[in-house]
Protein backbone atom coordinates (compact mmCIF):
# COMPACT_ATOMS: atom_id res chain seq x y z
CA MET A 1 0.00 0.00 0.00
CA ALA A 2 1.54 3.28 -1.11
CA THR A 3 0.72 6.66 0.39
CA ALA A 4 1.75 10.20 -0.37
CA ASN A 5 4.32 10.00 2.43
CA ALA A 6 7.44 8.20 1.26
CA ALA A 7 9.13 8.31 4.68
CA PHE A 8 6.06 6.70 6.31
CA ASP A 9 5.91 4.01 3.62
CA LEU A 10 9.59 3.22 4.19
CA LEU A 11 9.08 2.81 7.95
CA LEU A 12 6.27 0.32 7.38
CA LYS A 13 8.19 -1.55 4.70
CA LYS A 14 11.27 -1.89 6.91
CA GLY A 15 9.18 -2.94 9.90
CA ASP A 16 10.47 -0.07 12.01
CA LEU A 17 8.28 1.22 14.82
CA ILE A 18 6.47 4.52 14.50
CA GLU A 19 7.06 6.60 17.60
CA SER A 20 5.38 9.98 17.07
CA VAL A 21 2.55 11.74 15.25
CA SER A 22 5.13 13.50 13.08
CA GLU A 23 5.97 10.15 11.48
CA MET A 24 2.34 9.26 10.68
CA THR A 25 -0.03 9.97 7.86
CA PRO A 26 -3.49 11.33 8.81
CA GLU A 27 -5.03 8.03 7.70
CA TYR A 28 -2.69 6.00 9.92
CA LEU A 29 -3.43 8.26 12.89
CA ARG A 30 -7.16 7.89 12.35
CA GLU A 31 -6.97 4.08 12.16
CA LEU A 32 -4.65 3.90 15.18
CA LYS A 33 -7.06 6.01 17.25
CA HIS A 34 -10.01 3.86 16.17
CA THR A 35 -8.19 0.67 17.21
CA LEU A 36 -7.16 2.18 20.55
CA VAL A 37 -10.71 3.34 21.30
CA VAL A 38 -12.08 -0.16 20.75
CA SER A 39 -9.36 -1.60 22.99
CA GLY A 40 -9.81 1.00 25.73
CA ASP A 41 -13.60 0.74 25.69
CA THR A 42 -13.49 -3.06 25.88
CA GLU A 43 -11.13 -3.05 28.86
CA LEU A 44 -13.12 -0.32 30.62
CA ILE A 45 -16.56 -1.89 30.23
CA SER A 46 -15.33 -5.26 31.45
CA ALA A 47 -14.85 -3.70 34.90
CA PRO A 48 -18.53 -3.05 35.71
CA ALA A 49 -19.54 -6.21 33.81
CA TYR A 50 -17.25 -8.33 35.99
CA TYR A 51 -17.98 -6.44 39.21
CA LEU A 52 -21.72 -7.07 39.06
CA ALA A 53 -21.01 -10.81 38.85
CA ALA A 54 -18.04 -10.83 41.26
CA LYS A 55 -20.38 -9.73 44.05
CA ARG A 56 -21.82 -13.25 43.84
CA ALA A 57 -18.47 -14.94 44.38
CA PRO A 58 -18.62 -18.14 46.48
CA SER A 59 -15.86 -17.02 48.87
CA ILE A 60 -13.83 -14.01 49.98
CA ASN A 61 -10.78 -15.36 48.14
CA ALA A 62 -12.78 -15.75 44.92
CA PHE A 63 -14.21 -12.24 45.32
CA MET A 64 -10.73 -10.75 45.81
CA THR A 65 -9.52 -12.55 42.70
CA GLY A 66 -12.42 -11.00 40.81
CA ILE A 67 -11.57 -7.54 42.16
CA SER A 68 -7.92 -8.04 41.18
CA ILE A 69 -8.98 -8.85 37.63
CA ILE A 70 -11.19 -5.74 37.56
CA GLN A 71 -8.26 -3.62 38.75
CA ASP A 72 -6.14 -5.02 35.92
CA GLU A 73 -8.82 -4.26 33.34
CA LEU A 74 -9.05 -0.64 34.47
CA ALA A 75 -5.27 -0.33 34.22
CA HIS A 76 -5.38 -1.77 30.70
CA ALA A 77 -8.05 0.76 29.74
CA HIS A 78 -5.89 3.54 31.15
CA ILE A 79 -3.00 2.51 28.89
CA ALA A 80 -5.15 2.82 25.77
CA TYR A 81 -6.81 6.08 26.83
CA HIS A 82 -3.49 7.61 27.94
CA ILE A 83 -2.00 6.89 24.51
CA LEU A 84 -5.10 8.41 22.91
CA GLU A 85 -4.57 11.54 24.99
CA GLU A 86 -0.97 11.72 23.79
CA LEU A 87 -2.37 11.51 20.26
CA GLY A 88 -4.58 14.54 20.83
CA GLU A 89 -7.80 13.08 22.27
CA ASP A 90 -9.46 14.22 25.51
CA GLN A 91 -9.35 11.23 27.86
CA GLU A 92 -11.95 12.70 30.21
CA LYS A 93 -14.46 13.25 27.42
CA LEU A 94 -13.84 9.80 25.97
CA ILE A 95 -14.72 8.11 29.24
CA PHE A 96 -17.16 10.37 31.01
CA THR A 97 -19.22 12.32 28.46
CA ARG A 98 -19.82 9.96 25.55
CA ASP A 99 -23.28 8.53 25.01
CA PRO A 100 -23.39 4.88 26.19
CA LYS A 101 -24.25 3.68 22.69
CA ALA A 102 -21.15 5.44 21.32
CA PHE A 103 -18.80 3.11 23.21
CA ARG A 104 -17.14 0.62 20.89
CA TYR A 105 -16.75 -2.73 22.64
CA PRO A 106 -17.98 -6.24 21.80
CA TYR A 107 -21.72 -6.72 22.15
CA ALA A 108 -21.16 -9.69 24.46
CA PHE A 109 -20.43 -7.38 27.40
CA ASP A 110 -23.91 -5.84 27.10
CA VAL A 111 -25.51 -9.12 28.13
CA PRO A 112 -25.54 -9.33 31.95
CA LEU A 113 -23.22 -11.69 33.79
CA ASP A 114 -25.51 -12.66 36.65
CA THR A 115 -23.58 -15.41 38.41
CA TRP A 116 -20.06 -16.39 39.43
CA THR A 117 -20.24 -19.22 36.92
CA GLU A 118 -20.98 -16.79 34.10
CA LEU A 119 -18.08 -14.62 35.25
CA VAL A 120 -15.56 -17.45 35.10
CA VAL A 121 -16.86 -18.52 31.68
CA ALA A 122 -16.30 -14.91 30.62
CA ASN A 123 -12.73 -15.18 31.90
CA ALA A 124 -12.27 -18.42 29.95
CA MET A 125 -13.89 -17.16 26.74
CA TYR A 126 -13.95 -13.36 26.62
CA ASP A 127 -10.47 -13.00 28.07
CA GLN A 128 -9.23 -15.67 25.68
CA ALA A 129 -10.65 -13.57 22.84
CA GLY A 130 -8.94 -10.50 24.27
CA PHE A 131 -5.71 -12.47 24.60
CA CYS A 132 -5.88 -13.44 20.92
CA LEU A 133 -6.73 -9.95 19.71
CA LEU A 134 -4.19 -8.13 21.85
CA GLY A 135 -1.58 -10.83 21.36
CA ASP A 136 -1.87 -10.32 17.61
CA ILE A 137 -1.56 -6.55 18.04
CA HIS A 138 1.34 -6.96 20.46
CA GLU A 139 3.24 -9.05 17.93
CA HIS A 140 2.54 -6.97 14.84
CA CYS A 141 1.77 -3.44 16.04
CA SER A 142 3.76 -0.76 14.23
CA TYR A 143 3.15 1.92 16.90
CA GLY A 144 5.92 1.68 19.46
CA PRO A 145 4.26 3.14 22.59
CA TRP A 146 1.31 0.78 22.33
CA LYS A 147 3.44 -2.26 21.49
CA ARG A 148 5.48 -1.65 24.64
CA GLY A 149 2.40 -0.91 26.75
CA LEU A 150 0.95 -4.28 25.83
CA ASN A 151 3.85 -6.10 27.54
CA LYS A 152 2.09 -5.60 30.88
CA VAL A 153 -1.37 -6.23 29.47
CA MET A 154 -0.53 -9.63 28.00
CA LEU A 155 0.90 -10.96 31.25
CA GLU A 156 -2.21 -9.96 33.18
CA GLU A 157 -4.66 -11.22 30.57
CA ASN A 158 -3.01 -14.60 30.94
CA PHE A 159 -3.82 -14.51 34.68
CA HIS A 160 -7.49 -13.72 33.94
CA LEU A 161 -7.66 -16.56 31.46
CA ARG A 162 -6.12 -19.04 33.91
CA ASN A 163 -8.64 -18.04 36.56
CA GLY A 164 -11.49 -18.82 34.19
CA GLN A 165 -10.04 -22.15 33.12
CA THR A 166 -9.29 -23.23 36.70
CA TRP A 167 -12.83 -22.49 37.84
CA CYS A 168 -14.43 -24.07 34.77
CA LYS A 169 -12.49 -27.28 35.48
CA ARG A 170 -13.51 -27.19 39.13
CA ILE A 171 -17.19 -26.61 38.39
CA SER A 172 -17.33 -29.26 35.69
CA LYS A 173 -15.64 -31.80 37.94
CA ALA A 174 -18.22 -31.11 40.67
CA GLY A 175 -20.93 -32.38 38.31
CA GLY A 176 -24.64 -32.18 38.99
CA ALA A 177 -26.41 -28.83 39.04
CA ALA A 178 -23.10 -26.94 39.07
CA LYS A 179 -21.99 -28.53 35.81
CA ASP A 180 -25.44 -27.94 34.29
CA GLU A 181 -25.13 -24.25 35.15
CA LEU A 182 -21.70 -24.15 33.55
CA GLN A 183 -23.01 -25.80 30.39
CA ALA A 184 -25.92 -23.34 30.24
CA ALA A 185 -23.50 -20.39 30.46
CA VAL A 186 -21.29 -21.80 27.71
CA ASP A 187 -24.36 -22.40 25.53
CA TRP A 188 -25.06 -18.67 25.17
CA MET A 189 -21.58 -17.24 25.68
CA PHE A 190 -19.69 -19.37 23.14
CA PRO A 191 -21.59 -18.04 20.08
CA LEU A 192 -21.38 -14.48 21.42
CA THR A 193 -17.60 -14.78 21.62
CA VAL A 194 -17.45 -16.21 18.11
CA GLU A 195 -19.10 -12.93 17.06
CA TRP A 196 -16.47 -11.00 19.04
CA PHE A 197 -14.02 -11.01 16.11
CA GLY A 198 -16.34 -9.12 13.78
CA LEU A 199 -17.62 -9.65 10.27
CA PRO A 200 -16.38 -12.61 8.21
CA ASP A 201 -13.46 -11.76 5.94
CA GLU A 202 -15.56 -11.88 2.78
CA LEU A 203 -17.73 -9.05 4.14
CA LYS A 204 -14.91 -6.82 5.39
CA GLN A 205 -14.91 -3.55 3.48
CA HIS A 206 -11.28 -2.60 4.07
CA SER A 207 -8.04 -4.03 5.42
CA THR A 208 -6.50 -0.81 6.74
CA GLN A 209 -5.42 -2.29 10.08
CA LEU A 210 -3.51 -5.01 8.24
CA ASP A 211 -2.04 -2.55 5.75
CA TYR A 212 -0.80 -0.31 8.54
CA HIS A 213 0.57 -3.21 10.60
CA LEU A 214 -1.80 -2.52 13.48
CA LYS A 215 -2.75 -6.21 13.46
CA GLY A 216 -1.43 -9.27 11.67
CA LYS A 217 -4.39 -11.62 11.38
CA THR A 218 -7.76 -11.25 9.69
CA ASN A 219 -11.05 -11.57 11.58
CA ASP A 220 -11.53 -15.18 10.49
CA GLN A 221 -7.93 -16.09 11.29
CA LEU A 222 -8.37 -14.68 14.80
CA ARG A 223 -11.67 -16.54 15.15
CA GLN A 224 -9.95 -19.79 14.17
CA TRP A 225 -7.13 -19.16 16.62
CA TRP A 226 -9.63 -18.58 19.43
CA MET A 227 -11.61 -21.73 18.60
CA SER A 228 -8.42 -23.78 18.41
CA LEU A 229 -7.83 -22.91 22.07
CA VAL A 230 -11.37 -22.89 23.48
CA VAL A 231 -12.98 -25.88 21.75
CA PRO A 232 -10.37 -28.47 22.85
CA PHE A 233 -10.34 -27.05 26.38
CA MET A 234 -14.11 -27.30 26.76
CA GLU A 235 -14.15 -30.80 25.32
CA GLU A 236 -11.36 -31.81 27.72
CA ILE A 237 -13.41 -30.78 30.77
CA GLY A 238 -16.60 -32.41 29.46
CA ILE A 239 -18.47 -29.31 28.30
CA LYS A 240 -20.16 -29.28 24.90
CA VAL A 241 -19.64 -26.49 22.38
CA PRO A 242 -21.32 -26.15 18.98
CA ALA A 243 -18.13 -26.52 16.94
CA HIS A 244 -15.80 -29.27 15.81
CA LYS A 245 -12.45 -29.76 14.08
CA GLU A 246 -12.11 -30.89 10.49
CA THR A 247 -9.16 -31.34 8.17
CA LYS A 248 -9.42 -29.42 4.90
CA ASP A 249 -6.67 -29.30 2.30
CA GLY A 250 -4.29 -30.79 4.83
CA GLU A 251 -5.03 -28.17 7.51
CA ASP A 252 -7.07 -28.40 10.69
CA VAL A 253 -9.95 -25.95 10.81
CA PHE A 254 -12.76 -25.46 13.28
CA VAL A 255 -16.28 -25.53 11.90
CA LEU A 256 -19.38 -24.17 13.64
CA ASP A 257 -22.32 -26.54 14.09
CA TYR A 258 -24.92 -23.80 13.63
CA PRO A 259 -25.75 -21.14 11.04
CA PHE A 260 -23.45 -18.15 11.44
CA PRO A 261 -24.96 -15.68 12.11
CA SER A 262 -28.09 -16.71 14.02
CA THR A 263 -30.76 -14.89 15.99
CA PHE A 264 -30.03 -14.09 19.63
CA ASP A 265 -32.56 -13.24 22.35
CA ALA A 266 -30.49 -11.11 24.72
CA GLU A 267 -33.14 -10.76 27.40
CA ASN A 268 -33.42 -14.53 27.80
CA LYS A 269 -29.81 -15.38 26.83
CA ARG A 270 -31.00 -17.79 24.19
CA TRP A 271 -29.91 -18.53 20.62
CA ASP A 272 -32.31 -19.72 17.96
CA PHE A 273 -30.15 -21.75 15.60
CA ASN A 274 -33.28 -22.58 13.59
CA ASP A 275 -33.61 -18.90 12.73
CA PRO A 276 -30.55 -17.81 10.75
CA CYS A 277 -30.32 -14.06 10.32
CA THR A 278 -28.29 -11.75 8.10
CA TRP A 279 -25.21 -9.78 9.05
CA ASP A 280 -27.28 -6.65 8.56
CA ASP A 281 -29.51 -7.94 11.38
CA VAL A 282 -26.44 -8.51 13.56
CA LEU A 283 -25.13 -5.01 12.85
CA VAL A 284 -28.48 -3.56 13.93
CA ARG A 285 -28.22 -5.52 17.19
CA TRP A 286 -24.62 -4.45 17.76
CA ARG A 287 -25.34 -0.78 17.10
CA GLY A 288 -28.43 -0.81 19.30
CA ARG A 289 -26.32 -2.19 22.14
CA GLY A 290 -27.61 -4.71 24.66
CA PRO A 291 -29.57 -4.82 27.92
CA ARG A 292 -26.84 -3.62 30.28
CA ASN A 293 -25.09 -0.97 28.16
CA SER A 294 -26.59 2.12 29.82
CA GLU A 295 -26.39 0.67 33.32
CA MET A 296 -22.70 -0.18 33.07
CA VAL A 297 -21.63 3.12 31.51
CA ALA A 298 -23.64 5.00 34.14
CA MET A 299 -21.70 3.23 36.90
CA PHE A 300 -18.58 5.26 36.16
CA GLN A 301 -20.03 8.33 34.42
CA GLU A 302 -22.53 9.25 37.15
CA GLU A 303 -20.00 8.92 39.96
CA PHE A 304 -17.59 11.14 38.03
CA HIS A 305 -20.18 13.88 37.59
CA LYS A 306 -21.18 13.65 41.26
CA PHE A 307 -17.53 14.10 42.20
CA ARG A 308 -17.16 17.07 39.83
CA THR A 309 -20.27 18.70 41.31
CA ALA A 310 -19.03 18.23 44.87
CA HIS A 311 -15.44 19.25 44.06
CA PRO A 312 -15.57 21.80 41.21
CA GLN A 313 -11.92 22.82 41.71
CA ALA A 314 -10.54 19.26 41.61
């Protein structure tokens, strides 16, 4: 991909890191900001999503682990928003004055996590998705400050993921009603996480993030990577997922056992695999946000405005 900036093109071609706005084209800066906003918003919204479920932890130790994960997620959000501020954005406005529907994070977080079991499945699935997405960015990112910032993020995401896997194993091994509850959570959360990676490659309208070395894998490649980790794990602990492995042209691929996309009833956390929908329908659902969007955003925006009212000089 050639631009009107020969020096910028040379940096990308050589694989050198871009360190300042002066080295960027306006198009690169715009795409970098967009990618950072999605990352920051996703990390930020996971905090209230996880907190509302962590309050139902089965023990003090489990609750403190949940709080530790929430603390990490807020720190990860700060990294993205701080870089955005260095790139000319207003961090305070990004977090505290945007309309809830303007936040750009995966739809899955808008569906309430109501139990500890759902929280640990989120750690095992959502954090695995985050690990894949950020791991890909960490490896391929051409913007130096973010690439270095992700060193800390990747280590902590691995801790979140291990917590989810450890608890999923424990719950499944317990059997009975506990395992049934785990299976029920996986039933609705697995397809939502498959959606996490965005539109299929054949429907993607541009490949700017790949062209600018802000990521290295396509949506479908990331989806395959995620399934290659999650499907065998769930099968190993005796939990069913609607996907299986096949060998095509000498390569292992994971195939979904349901129409993709399908209709989702967010209020009842239920998929109707007998009612395939279009990606236009999915985009309408994503843009409309889900049941808990406003509630979660209000948790940090309202407290901020109360603080500002009480301490106008702060």
